[in-house]
Amino acid sequence: MRRRLGHQRQHGKQGGGGGLLAKLSIAVLFLLICSLSLLSAPFTPNTNGSTASSQINVEELWKSANSGGWKPSSAPRSKWPPPPKETNGYLRVRCNGGLNQQRSAICNAVLAARIMNATLVLPELDANSFWHDDSGFHGLYDVEHFIQSLRFDVQIVERIPEIHKNGKTKKIKAFQLRPPRDAPISWYTTDALKKMKEHGAIYLSPFSHRLAEEIDNPEYQRLRCRVNYHALRFKPHIMKLSESIVDKLRSQGHFMAIHLRFEMDMLSFAGCFDIFTPAEQKILKKYRKENFADKTLIYKERRAIGKCPLTPEEVGLILRAMGFNNSTRIYLAAGELFGGERFMTPFRALFPRLENHSSVDASEELATNSQGLIGSAVDYMVCLLADIFMPTYDGPSNFANNLLGHRLYYGFRTNIRPDRKGLAPVFIARENGRTAGFEEAVRHVMLKTNFGGPHKRISPESFYTNSWPECFCQMETQNPAHKCPSENVMQNLHSQLVTENIDMEQHNRSDSTVSLAER
């Protein structure tokens, strides 16, 4: 051995150019061998030095996540005076978009009315939205419950009343304003309030994302939660229909709800066209041109950073890697799947027990409104009550984001939120033939996600997706800001409201007496 090494060293000194060439040849050969071994090796993620297999306890996922001692609470925790009888005017809003975009807008409208000391006119729901549905507020929500639930917060009327003066009837015409996107509170207390006082009423249109989400006032944020999770209750027949579907699904054990966002609008928005046929790509590109800003989007780049909605097959592969078997019952909340059955076939092969609201309940109401606001409302309630909820694209999806927030508030119910950016290289490697270690790699990514427990809200996560800690409290804590309010908080608010009304009546009687005396 020594002689061989010595011979190599001596050989290395002879002819500098030839020795260098030999070294370069050996280096190139070494790199080539390493590259080949990497290509043939199974895909394994960086586990920070740990080679232990990642495991997910599926049985634990069917239970609610660990609350860490937190409980939902949106009742006021500081002085919260009732709305005065005399306000600065009337606030009308037109809530555009789909069901959940409108829902967020309603929450913002209530808060805007509180900020401006205005009387809120029952919000209008845009009939020209994506759904082409004119159900309106009365057709979806329990109006009486809505008004009664918020009586300690704002005054609400169904329409602007007419003014009767000197035997004449006068209508108040609302002045129309277009609020800036994510307008700060200061816009409402200056520009909007000024016009309200001038005209007696203002009409804000459109009203989607027209009030900043991040507000440094916990009581204002809790008001949003009171609207979203308590006041906004679907009409009794929608609630009954939803509960019937949930009962049928749960009669056979646990069930999972998946929001399969593989639809034309979202695929067009994401710019993910390459997996479709030329004819389908033409449809998607046309929809994108008509509805979204012109922008050059490269599929491979979008896919690599997790900007494309998961395909149904990818959803199935994630669930199988996590340990769910083909007996898992799955409720699909989705619009019309783009691309048809060929995309569903691989998913159905993995998880054959698939249902939707039409297959569980073939009622005439759902049959005629399966893609409208009522069908969306039923899907919302079933997803809210499901043991597990899985959104496949929770970027700009208001449906998924609102549900994640509602399930958090509803008792930290389990959510499976795929990290599309983290999973992208795993799926790309699989498509390139590197299938060994695939399921382990998927589990490794998924174990880093939050399954529904309390967690800090970090931008771009929305307040409507995660209202912790403002809308939660702890019974035992050293932090007074997190301490649960007293159990009689609602009684106190009721007493304040009664006192306010009595004071107002006495004030009115006093004014009447003075007026008579002057005569």
Protein backbone atom coordinates (compact mmCIF):
# COMPACT_ATOMS: atom_id res chain seq x y z
CA MET A 1 0.00 0.00 0.00
CA ARG A 2 2.77 2.40 0.93
CA ARG A 3 4.61 1.66 -2.29
CA ARG A 4 1.42 2.38 -4.27
CA LEU A 5 0.87 5.71 -2.49
CA GLY A 6 4.54 6.64 -2.88
CA HIS A 7 4.40 5.81 -6.56
CA GLN A 8 1.35 8.04 -6.99
CA ARG A 9 3.02 10.96 -5.28
CA GLN A 10 6.15 10.57 -7.42
CA HIS A 11 4.03 10.29 -10.55
CA GLY A 12 2.26 13.45 -9.59
CA LYS A 13 5.47 15.47 -9.72
CA GLN A 14 6.28 14.46 -13.27
CA GLY A 15 5.03 16.71 -16.06
CA GLY A 16 2.94 19.46 -14.35
CA GLY A 17 0.37 19.71 -17.22
CA GLY A 18 -0.31 15.96 -17.34
CA GLY A 19 -0.66 15.74 -13.55
CA LEU A 20 -3.16 18.56 -13.49
CA LEU A 21 -5.15 16.92 -16.29
CA ALA A 22 -5.21 13.67 -14.37
CA LYS A 23 -6.47 15.41 -11.23
CA LEU A 24 -9.20 17.20 -13.18
CA SER A 25 -10.25 13.91 -14.78
CA ILE A 26 -10.52 12.24 -11.37
CA ALA A 27 -12.52 15.23 -10.00
CA VAL A 28 -14.94 15.16 -12.94
CA LEU A 29 -15.37 11.40 -12.53
CA PHE A 30 -16.02 11.84 -8.81
CA LEU A 31 -18.68 14.54 -9.44
CA LEU A 32 -20.32 12.37 -12.09
CA ILE A 33 -20.54 9.40 -9.69
CA CYS A 34 -22.01 11.66 -6.98
CA SER A 35 -24.58 13.11 -9.39
CA LEU A 36 -25.67 9.66 -10.52
CA SER A 37 -25.98 8.45 -6.95
CA LEU A 38 -28.09 11.51 -6.06
CA LEU A 39 -30.41 10.92 -9.00
CA SER A 40 -30.90 7.29 -8.08
CA ALA A 41 -31.24 7.92 -4.33
CA PRO A 42 -34.69 8.13 -2.73
CA PHE A 43 -36.07 11.63 -2.04
CA THR A 44 -35.38 12.43 1.61
CA PRO A 45 -35.87 15.89 3.14
CA ASN A 46 -33.49 17.60 5.50
CA THR A 47 -34.44 16.33 8.95
CA ASN A 48 -31.84 18.36 10.88
CA GLY A 49 -29.66 15.31 11.38
CA SER A 50 -32.50 13.02 12.45
CA THR A 51 -33.12 9.86 10.43
CA ALA A 52 -36.08 8.76 12.53
CA SER A 53 -39.26 8.05 10.58
CA SER A 54 -41.92 10.77 10.80
CA GLN A 55 -45.24 9.40 12.01
CA ILE A 56 -48.67 11.03 12.24
CA ASN A 57 -51.25 9.70 14.68
CA VAL A 58 -54.44 9.70 12.60
CA GLU A 59 -56.63 8.78 15.58
CA GLU A 60 -55.53 11.97 17.34
CA LEU A 61 -56.45 14.06 14.31
CA TRP A 62 -60.09 12.98 14.59
CA LYS A 63 -60.15 14.82 17.95
CA SER A 64 -59.98 18.58 18.47
CA ALA A 65 -56.54 20.15 18.70
CA ASN A 66 -54.94 21.03 22.04
CA SER A 67 -56.43 24.32 23.28
CA GLY A 68 -53.54 25.15 25.61
CA GLY A 69 -56.08 26.40 28.16
CA TRP A 70 -57.69 28.90 25.77
CA LYS A 71 -61.43 29.19 25.12
CA PRO A 72 -63.38 31.30 22.62
CA SER A 73 -64.70 34.58 24.01
CA SER A 74 -65.79 37.67 22.08
CA ALA A 75 -67.66 39.46 24.89
CA PRO A 76 -66.33 42.93 25.77
CA ARG A 77 -63.69 43.03 28.51
CA SER A 78 -63.58 46.78 29.04
CA LYS A 79 -66.10 49.62 29.08
CA TRP A 80 -68.45 49.16 26.12
CA PRO A 81 -71.31 51.67 26.14
CA PRO A 82 -74.51 50.73 24.28
CA PRO A 83 -75.31 52.47 21.00
CA PRO A 84 -77.13 55.76 21.60
CA LYS A 85 -80.67 56.20 20.32
CA GLU A 86 -79.66 59.24 18.28
CA THR A 87 -76.92 58.43 15.79
CA ASN A 88 -75.00 60.45 13.20
CA GLY A 89 -76.97 58.99 10.32
CA TYR A 90 -77.57 55.85 8.32
CA LEU A 91 -74.97 53.54 6.80
CA ARG A 92 -75.81 51.45 3.72
CA VAL A 93 -73.31 49.01 2.21
CA ARG A 94 -73.29 46.70 -0.82
CA CYS A 95 -71.37 43.50 -0.08
CA ASN A 96 -69.95 42.07 -3.29
CA GLY A 97 -68.36 38.68 -4.02
CA GLY A 98 -69.32 35.19 -2.93
CA LEU A 99 -70.83 34.02 0.36
CA ASN A 100 -67.74 34.38 2.53
CA GLN A 101 -66.43 37.58 1.00
CA GLN A 102 -69.86 39.01 1.77
CA ARG A 103 -69.70 37.58 5.28
CA SER A 104 -66.44 39.41 6.02
CA ALA A 105 -67.93 42.58 4.54
CA ILE A 106 -70.95 42.33 6.88
CA CYS A 107 -68.58 42.10 9.87
CA ASN A 108 -66.74 45.19 8.63
CA ALA A 109 -70.03 47.04 8.07
CA VAL A 110 -71.09 46.49 11.69
CA LEU A 111 -67.71 47.70 12.92
CA ALA A 112 -67.82 50.74 10.61
CA ALA A 113 -71.27 51.63 11.98
CA ARG A 114 -69.96 51.36 15.54
CA ILE A 115 -66.91 53.51 14.71
CA MET A 116 -69.07 56.27 13.14
CA ASN A 117 -71.92 56.01 15.65
CA ALA A 118 -74.23 55.25 12.72
CA THR A 119 -77.42 53.26 12.32
CA LEU A 120 -76.66 50.30 10.06
CA VAL A 121 -79.13 49.50 7.32
CA LEU A 122 -79.34 45.73 6.78
CA PRO A 123 -76.42 45.01 4.39
CA GLU A 124 -77.20 44.38 0.74
CA LEU A 125 -75.74 41.21 -0.82
CA ASP A 126 -74.62 41.66 -4.40
CA ALA A 127 -76.93 39.77 -6.76
CA ASN A 128 -74.40 40.18 -9.58
CA SER A 129 -71.68 38.23 -7.81
CA PHE A 130 -69.87 35.16 -9.08
CA TRP A 131 -72.81 33.00 -8.00
CA HIS A 132 -75.47 34.96 -9.94
CA ASP A 133 -77.74 34.45 -6.94
CA ASP A 134 -80.23 37.01 -5.60
CA SER A 135 -81.09 35.30 -2.30
CA GLY A 136 -80.22 38.47 -0.40
CA PHE A 137 -79.72 38.87 3.35
CA HIS A 138 -83.29 37.79 4.12
CA GLY A 139 -82.91 34.64 2.00
CA LEU A 140 -79.75 33.47 3.80
CA TYR A 141 -79.58 34.81 7.34
CA ASP A 142 -81.87 34.95 10.35
CA VAL A 143 -82.53 38.71 10.35
CA GLU A 144 -84.26 38.88 13.74
CA HIS A 145 -81.41 36.98 15.39
CA PHE A 146 -78.85 39.26 13.70
CA ILE A 147 -80.46 42.46 14.96
CA GLN A 148 -81.13 41.10 18.44
CA SER A 149 -77.59 39.69 18.87
CA LEU A 150 -75.98 43.06 18.12
CA ARG A 151 -78.35 45.26 20.13
CA PHE A 152 -75.53 46.12 22.58
CA ASP A 153 -73.23 47.16 19.73
CA VAL A 154 -75.10 49.00 16.95
CA GLN A 155 -78.57 50.05 15.93
CA ILE A 156 -79.79 48.15 12.86
CA VAL A 157 -82.80 48.84 10.66
CA GLU A 158 -84.04 46.98 7.61
CA ARG A 159 -84.40 50.15 5.54
CA ILE A 160 -83.90 53.89 5.91
CA PRO A 161 -87.16 55.25 7.35
CA GLU A 162 -89.03 58.12 5.75
CA ILE A 163 -89.15 61.46 7.55
CA HIS A 164 -92.59 62.87 8.33
CA LYS A 165 -92.47 66.62 8.93
CA ASN A 166 -95.14 69.30 8.64
CA GLY A 167 -97.52 66.81 7.08
CA LYS A 168 -95.03 65.89 4.36
CA THR A 169 -93.09 62.69 3.76
CA LYS A 170 -89.45 62.98 2.82
CA LYS A 171 -87.04 60.23 1.77
CA ILE A 172 -83.39 60.38 2.78
CA LYS A 173 -81.15 59.79 -0.22
CA ALA A 174 -77.86 58.16 0.74
CA PHE A 175 -74.72 59.79 -0.66
CA GLN A 176 -72.64 57.19 -2.50
CA LEU A 177 -68.96 56.78 -1.66
CA ARG A 178 -66.30 54.31 -2.81
CA PRO A 179 -64.13 53.48 0.21
CA PRO A 180 -60.39 52.86 -0.34
CA ARG A 181 -59.32 49.22 -0.11
CA ASP A 182 -58.40 48.31 3.50
CA ALA A 183 -59.31 51.84 4.59
CA PRO A 184 -58.05 52.85 8.04
CA ILE A 185 -60.42 53.82 10.84
CA SER A 186 -59.45 57.47 10.28
CA TRP A 187 -61.14 57.43 6.84
CA TYR A 188 -64.44 56.48 8.47
CA THR A 189 -64.15 59.07 11.24
CA THR A 190 -63.29 61.88 8.77
CA ASP A 191 -64.30 61.52 5.10
CA ALA A 192 -67.20 59.11 5.56
CA LEU A 193 -68.55 60.72 8.73
CA LYS A 194 -68.43 64.20 7.17
CA LYS A 195 -70.63 63.06 4.25
CA MET A 196 -72.96 61.21 6.60
CA LYS A 197 -73.59 64.34 8.65
CA GLU A 198 -74.11 66.39 5.49
CA HIS A 199 -76.60 64.03 3.83
CA GLY A 200 -78.04 62.02 6.72
CA ALA A 201 -76.99 58.73 5.07
CA ILE A 202 -74.12 57.30 3.02
CA TYR A 203 -73.97 54.31 0.68
CA LEU A 204 -70.60 52.50 0.51
CA SER A 205 -70.18 50.49 -2.66
CA PRO A 206 -68.43 48.20 -3.29
CA PHE A 207 -67.74 47.02 0.25
CA SER A 208 -65.36 44.09 -0.02
CA HIS A 209 -62.11 44.49 1.96
CA ARG A 210 -62.90 48.14 2.65
CA LEU A 211 -61.82 48.26 6.30
CA ALA A 212 -58.32 47.38 7.52
CA GLU A 213 -58.15 43.95 9.16
CA GLU A 214 -55.32 44.68 11.57
CA ILE A 215 -56.70 47.21 14.06
CA ASP A 216 -54.92 48.00 17.31
CA ASN A 217 -58.13 47.80 19.34
CA PRO A 218 -59.01 44.36 20.77
CA GLU A 219 -62.62 45.41 21.47
CA TYR A 220 -63.19 46.28 17.82
CA GLN A 221 -61.76 42.92 16.80
CA ARG A 222 -64.01 41.14 19.30
CA LEU A 223 -67.00 42.92 17.77
CA ARG A 224 -66.04 41.37 14.42
CA CYS A 225 -66.06 37.96 16.11
CA ARG A 226 -69.46 38.57 17.68
CA VAL A 227 -70.84 39.32 14.23
CA ASN A 228 -69.10 36.45 12.44
CA TYR A 229 -69.54 33.65 14.97
CA HIS A 230 -72.72 34.63 16.83
CA ALA A 231 -74.92 37.13 14.98
CA LEU A 232 -74.58 35.71 11.45
CA ARG A 233 -76.74 32.62 11.67
CA PHE A 234 -78.20 31.03 8.57
CA LYS A 235 -81.96 30.75 8.27
CA PRO A 236 -83.55 27.82 10.18
CA HIS A 237 -84.23 25.74 7.06
CA ILE A 238 -80.56 26.00 5.96
CA MET A 239 -79.38 25.04 9.47
CA LYS A 240 -81.79 22.10 9.55
CA LEU A 241 -80.69 20.90 6.12
CA SER A 242 -77.00 21.15 7.11
CA GLU A 243 -77.53 19.31 10.39
CA SER A 244 -79.41 16.55 8.56
CA ILE A 245 -76.46 16.01 6.20
CA VAL A 246 -73.99 15.98 9.10
CA ASP A 247 -76.13 13.44 11.01
CA LYS A 248 -76.24 11.13 7.98
CA LEU A 249 -72.50 11.40 7.46
CA ARG A 250 -71.67 10.88 11.14
CA SER A 251 -74.05 7.90 11.48
CA GLN A 252 -71.22 5.81 10.04
CA GLY A 253 -68.45 7.31 12.16
CA HIS A 254 -65.96 10.14 11.65
CA PHE A 255 -65.95 12.14 8.44
CA MET A 256 -63.64 14.67 6.85
CA ALA A 257 -64.66 17.68 4.74
CA ILE A 258 -62.42 18.85 1.90
CA HIS A 259 -62.74 22.14 0.06
CA LEU A 260 -61.53 20.98 -3.35
CA ARG A 261 -60.67 24.31 -4.96
CA PHE A 262 -59.90 22.93 -8.41
CA GLU A 263 -62.25 25.28 -10.20
CA MET A 264 -62.00 27.49 -13.27
CA ASP A 265 -61.80 30.84 -11.46
CA MET A 266 -59.04 29.77 -9.07
CA LEU A 267 -57.00 27.94 -11.72
CA SER A 268 -57.24 31.02 -13.96
CA PHE A 269 -56.22 33.29 -11.10
CA ALA A 270 -53.23 31.08 -10.24
CA GLY A 271 -52.14 30.82 -13.88
CA CYS A 272 -51.70 27.06 -13.70
CA PHE A 273 -52.55 25.90 -17.22
CA ASP A 274 -49.97 23.36 -18.41
CA ILE A 275 -51.65 20.21 -17.06
CA PHE A 276 -54.73 20.86 -19.19
CA THR A 277 -55.54 20.16 -22.83
CA PRO A 278 -55.07 22.98 -25.41
CA ALA A 279 -58.85 23.52 -25.51
CA GLU A 280 -59.05 23.74 -21.70
CA GLN A 281 -56.07 26.11 -21.59
CA LYS A 282 -57.85 28.37 -24.05
CA ILE A 283 -60.88 28.54 -21.74
CA LEU A 284 -58.73 29.30 -18.67
CA LYS A 285 -56.71 31.98 -20.45
CA LYS A 286 -59.86 33.64 -21.76
CA TYR A 287 -61.37 33.68 -18.24
CA ARG A 288 -58.16 35.11 -16.82
CA LYS A 289 -58.00 37.86 -19.45
CA GLU A 290 -61.60 38.88 -18.73
CA ASN A 291 -61.39 38.81 -14.92
CA PHE A 292 -57.81 39.42 -13.75
CA ALA A 293 -54.98 41.85 -14.37
CA ASP A 294 -52.68 41.07 -17.28
CA LYS A 295 -49.56 39.34 -15.99
CA THR A 296 -47.05 36.87 -17.43
CA LEU A 297 -47.23 33.67 -15.38
CA ILE A 298 -44.91 30.71 -15.97
CA TYR A 299 -46.43 27.43 -14.82
CA LYS A 300 -43.17 25.75 -13.73
CA GLU A 301 -42.22 28.76 -11.63
CA ARG A 302 -45.71 28.99 -10.10
CA ARG A 303 -45.74 25.28 -9.35
CA ALA A 304 -42.27 25.32 -7.76
CA ILE A 305 -43.31 27.95 -5.19
CA GLY A 306 -46.66 26.33 -4.35
CA LYS A 307 -48.89 28.85 -6.13
CA CYS A 308 -50.97 26.22 -7.95
CA PRO A 309 -54.06 24.60 -6.39
CA LEU A 310 -53.47 20.97 -5.46
CA THR A 311 -54.92 18.47 -7.93
CA PRO A 312 -57.42 15.94 -6.56
CA GLU A 313 -54.79 13.21 -6.94
CA GLU A 314 -52.25 15.22 -4.91
CA VAL A 315 -54.84 15.68 -2.16
CA GLY A 316 -55.37 11.91 -2.06
CA LEU A 317 -51.63 11.21 -1.96
CA ILE A 318 -51.17 13.61 0.97
CA LEU A 319 -53.94 11.94 2.97
CA ARG A 320 -52.63 8.45 2.22
CA ALA A 321 -49.11 9.47 3.24
CA MET A 322 -50.50 10.84 6.50
CA GLY A 323 -52.05 7.45 7.27
CA PHE A 324 -55.70 7.77 6.22
CA ASN A 325 -56.99 4.60 4.54
CA ASN A 326 -59.59 4.01 1.83
CA SER A 327 -62.40 3.57 4.37
CA THR A 328 -62.20 7.29 5.26
CA ARG A 329 -65.48 9.06 4.55
CA ILE A 330 -64.96 12.37 2.77
CA TYR A 331 -67.43 15.18 2.11
CA LEU A 332 -66.45 17.34 -0.88
CA ALA A 333 -67.34 21.02 -0.77
CA ALA A 334 -66.63 22.27 -4.26
CA GLY A 335 -68.07 24.01 -7.26
CA GLU A 336 -67.80 22.54 -10.71
CA LEU A 337 -64.48 20.69 -10.99
CA PHE A 338 -62.52 21.93 -13.99
CA GLY A 339 -61.21 19.22 -16.31
CA GLY A 340 -63.93 16.75 -15.44
CA GLU A 341 -63.79 13.20 -14.18
CA ARG A 342 -60.26 12.43 -15.40
CA PHE A 343 -58.88 14.48 -12.49
CA MET A 344 -61.20 12.82 -9.98
CA THR A 345 -60.52 9.21 -11.03
CA PRO A 346 -57.10 8.90 -9.28
CA PHE A 347 -58.53 10.50 -6.12
CA ARG A 348 -61.58 8.22 -6.16
CA ALA A 349 -59.30 5.19 -6.55
CA LEU A 350 -57.53 6.16 -3.32
CA PHE A 351 -60.64 7.26 -1.40
CA PRO A 352 -63.84 5.78 -2.86
CA ARG A 353 -66.18 6.95 -0.06
CA LEU A 354 -66.77 10.44 -1.45
CA GLU A 355 -69.92 12.47 -0.85
CA ASN A 356 -71.29 15.95 -1.52
CA HIS A 357 -74.47 17.72 -0.42
CA SER A 358 -76.38 16.44 -3.43
CA SER A 359 -75.45 12.78 -2.88
CA VAL A 360 -76.27 12.89 0.84
CA ASP A 361 -79.45 14.94 0.51
CA ALA A 362 -81.21 15.02 -2.85
CA SER A 363 -83.73 17.68 -1.77
CA GLU A 364 -85.25 19.92 -4.43
CA GLU A 365 -83.87 23.10 -2.79
CA LEU A 366 -80.29 21.89 -3.09
CA ALA A 367 -80.87 20.46 -6.54
CA THR A 368 -81.95 23.87 -7.82
CA ASN A 369 -79.36 25.88 -5.86
CA SER A 370 -76.38 23.53 -5.57
CA GLN A 371 -73.97 26.09 -7.06
CA GLY A 372 -75.62 29.16 -5.49
CA LEU A 373 -75.40 30.87 -2.13
CA ILE A 374 -77.69 28.36 -0.38
CA GLY A 375 -75.58 25.43 -1.62
CA SER A 376 -72.48 27.30 -0.45
CA ALA A 377 -74.11 27.98 2.94
CA VAL A 378 -74.85 24.26 3.42
CA ASP A 379 -71.28 23.38 2.43
CA TYR A 380 -70.04 25.95 4.94
CA MET A 381 -72.01 24.44 7.82
CA VAL A 382 -71.05 20.84 6.97
CA CYS A 383 -67.37 21.85 6.79
CA LEU A 384 -67.70 23.72 10.09
CA LEU A 385 -69.16 20.68 11.85
CA ALA A 386 -66.88 18.06 10.24
CA ASP A 387 -64.36 16.22 12.43
CA ILE A 388 -61.54 17.34 10.12
CA PHE A 389 -61.48 20.11 7.51
CA MET A 390 -58.94 20.29 4.71
CA PRO A 391 -58.69 23.28 2.36
CA THR A 392 -56.68 22.57 -0.78
CA TYR A 393 -56.08 26.22 -1.67
CA ASP A 394 -56.35 28.69 1.20
CA GLY A 395 -54.59 31.59 -0.52
CA PRO A 396 -57.24 34.05 -1.72
CA SER A 397 -60.07 31.60 -0.93
CA ASN A 398 -62.50 33.38 1.40
CA PHE A 399 -64.48 30.17 1.95
CA ALA A 400 -61.47 28.26 3.30
CA ASN A 401 -60.05 31.18 5.27
CA ASN A 402 -63.33 31.99 7.04
CA LEU A 403 -63.90 28.34 7.86
CA LEU A 404 -60.42 27.95 9.34
CA GLY A 405 -61.15 30.91 11.62
CA HIS A 406 -64.63 29.66 12.53
CA ARG A 407 -63.34 26.16 13.37
CA LEU A 408 -60.62 27.69 15.53
CA TYR A 409 -63.29 29.66 17.42
CA TYR A 410 -65.63 26.66 17.48
CA GLY A 411 -63.23 24.77 19.74
CA PHE A 412 -59.89 24.31 17.96
CA ARG A 413 -61.30 21.71 15.58
CA THR A 414 -58.70 19.86 13.53
CA ASN A 415 -57.66 21.35 10.21
CA ILE A 416 -55.24 19.86 7.70
CA ARG A 417 -53.55 22.71 5.85
CA PRO A 418 -51.14 21.43 3.19
CA ASP A 419 -47.99 23.51 2.85
CA ARG A 420 -48.06 23.74 -0.95
CA LYS A 421 -44.66 25.44 -1.15
CA GLY A 422 -43.06 22.78 1.06
CA LEU A 423 -44.77 19.96 -0.83
CA ALA A 424 -43.99 21.27 -4.34
CA PRO A 425 -40.46 19.76 -4.61
CA VAL A 426 -41.76 16.48 -3.20
CA PHE A 427 -44.44 16.18 -5.89
CA ILE A 428 -42.09 17.38 -8.64
CA ALA A 429 -39.54 14.74 -7.61
CA ARG A 430 -42.27 12.08 -7.74
CA GLU A 431 -43.30 13.18 -11.24
CA ASN A 432 -39.67 12.83 -12.31
CA GLY A 433 -39.64 9.20 -11.17
CA ARG A 434 -38.14 9.59 -7.70
CA THR A 435 -40.89 7.82 -5.76
CA ALA A 436 -38.83 6.15 -3.02
CA GLY A 437 -39.26 8.00 0.28
CA PHE A 438 -42.17 10.04 -1.10
CA GLU A 439 -44.63 9.39 1.74
CA GLU A 440 -41.97 10.03 4.37
CA ALA A 441 -41.17 13.36 2.70
CA VAL A 442 -44.87 14.33 2.68
CA ARG A 443 -45.22 13.50 6.39
CA HIS A 444 -42.10 15.50 7.18
CA VAL A 445 -43.64 18.61 5.55
CA MET A 446 -47.08 18.09 7.10
CA LEU A 447 -45.73 17.63 10.62
CA LYS A 448 -44.50 21.23 10.47
CA THR A 449 -48.02 22.59 9.87
CA ASN A 450 -50.57 23.66 12.46
CA PHE A 451 -53.48 21.23 12.87
CA GLY A 452 -55.92 23.68 14.46
CA GLY A 453 -54.46 24.77 17.79
CA PRO A 454 -53.89 28.37 18.94
CA HIS A 455 -51.04 30.05 17.08
CA LYS A 456 -49.71 33.54 16.46
CA ARG A 457 -51.20 35.35 13.48
CA ILE A 458 -48.46 36.28 11.03
CA SER A 459 -49.04 38.21 7.80
CA PRO A 460 -50.43 37.37 5.30
CA GLU A 461 -52.73 35.27 7.53
CA SER A 462 -56.06 37.05 7.85
CA PHE A 463 -57.81 38.02 11.09
CA TYR A 464 -60.82 36.11 9.77
CA THR A 465 -58.59 33.02 9.51
CA ASN A 466 -57.08 33.40 12.95
CA SER A 467 -58.65 35.69 15.57
CA TRP A 468 -56.31 34.47 18.33
CA PRO A 469 -55.66 35.95 20.85
CA GLU A 470 -58.21 38.81 20.63
CA CYS A 471 -61.28 36.53 20.55
CA PHE A 472 -60.02 33.97 23.07
CA CYS A 473 -59.40 34.03 26.79
CA GLN A 474 -57.96 31.98 29.65
CA MET A 475 -59.56 31.28 33.01
CA GLU A 476 -56.18 31.08 34.72
CA THR A 477 -53.59 33.58 33.54
CA GLN A 478 -51.31 36.28 34.90
CA ASN A 479 -52.00 38.47 31.88
CA PRO A 480 -55.13 40.60 32.50
CA ALA A 481 -55.60 41.14 28.74
CA HIS A 482 -56.13 37.39 28.29
CA LYS A 483 -58.35 36.81 31.33
CA CYS A 484 -61.91 35.65 30.60
CA PRO A 485 -64.60 38.24 31.39
CA SER A 486 -67.09 37.68 34.19
CA GLU A 487 -70.02 35.39 33.44
CA ASN A 488 -72.55 38.20 33.95
CA VAL A 489 -71.05 40.44 31.24
CA MET A 490 -74.17 40.15 29.08
CA GLN A 491 -76.39 41.09 32.02
CA ASN A 492 -74.27 44.19 32.56
CA LEU A 493 -74.57 45.15 28.89
CA HIS A 494 -78.34 44.66 29.06
CA SER A 495 -78.53 46.88 32.15
CA GLN A 496 -76.50 49.57 30.38
CA LEU A 497 -78.82 49.43 27.38
CA VAL A 498 -81.96 49.69 29.56
CA THR A 499 -80.44 52.66 31.45
CA GLU A 500 -79.56 54.35 28.14
CA ASN A 501 -83.13 53.93 26.87
CA ILE A 502 -84.65 55.27 30.11
CA ASP A 503 -82.32 58.30 30.03
CA MET A 504 -83.25 58.96 26.39
CA GLU A 505 -87.00 58.75 27.13
CA GLN A 506 -86.63 61.15 30.07
CA HIS A 507 -84.61 63.50 27.85
CA ASN A 508 -87.32 63.41 25.15
CA ARG A 509 -90.08 64.07 27.70
CA SER A 510 -88.07 67.00 29.07
CA ASP A 511 -87.69 68.46 25.56
CA SER A 512 -91.44 68.09 24.98
CA THR A 513 -92.23 69.89 28.23
CA VAL A 514 -89.92 72.77 27.33
CA SER A 515 -91.45 73.01 23.87
CA LEU A 516 -94.99 73.22 25.31
CA ALA A 517 -93.92 75.84 27.85
CA GLU A 518 -92.41 77.95 25.08
CA ARG A 519 -95.71 77.85 23.18
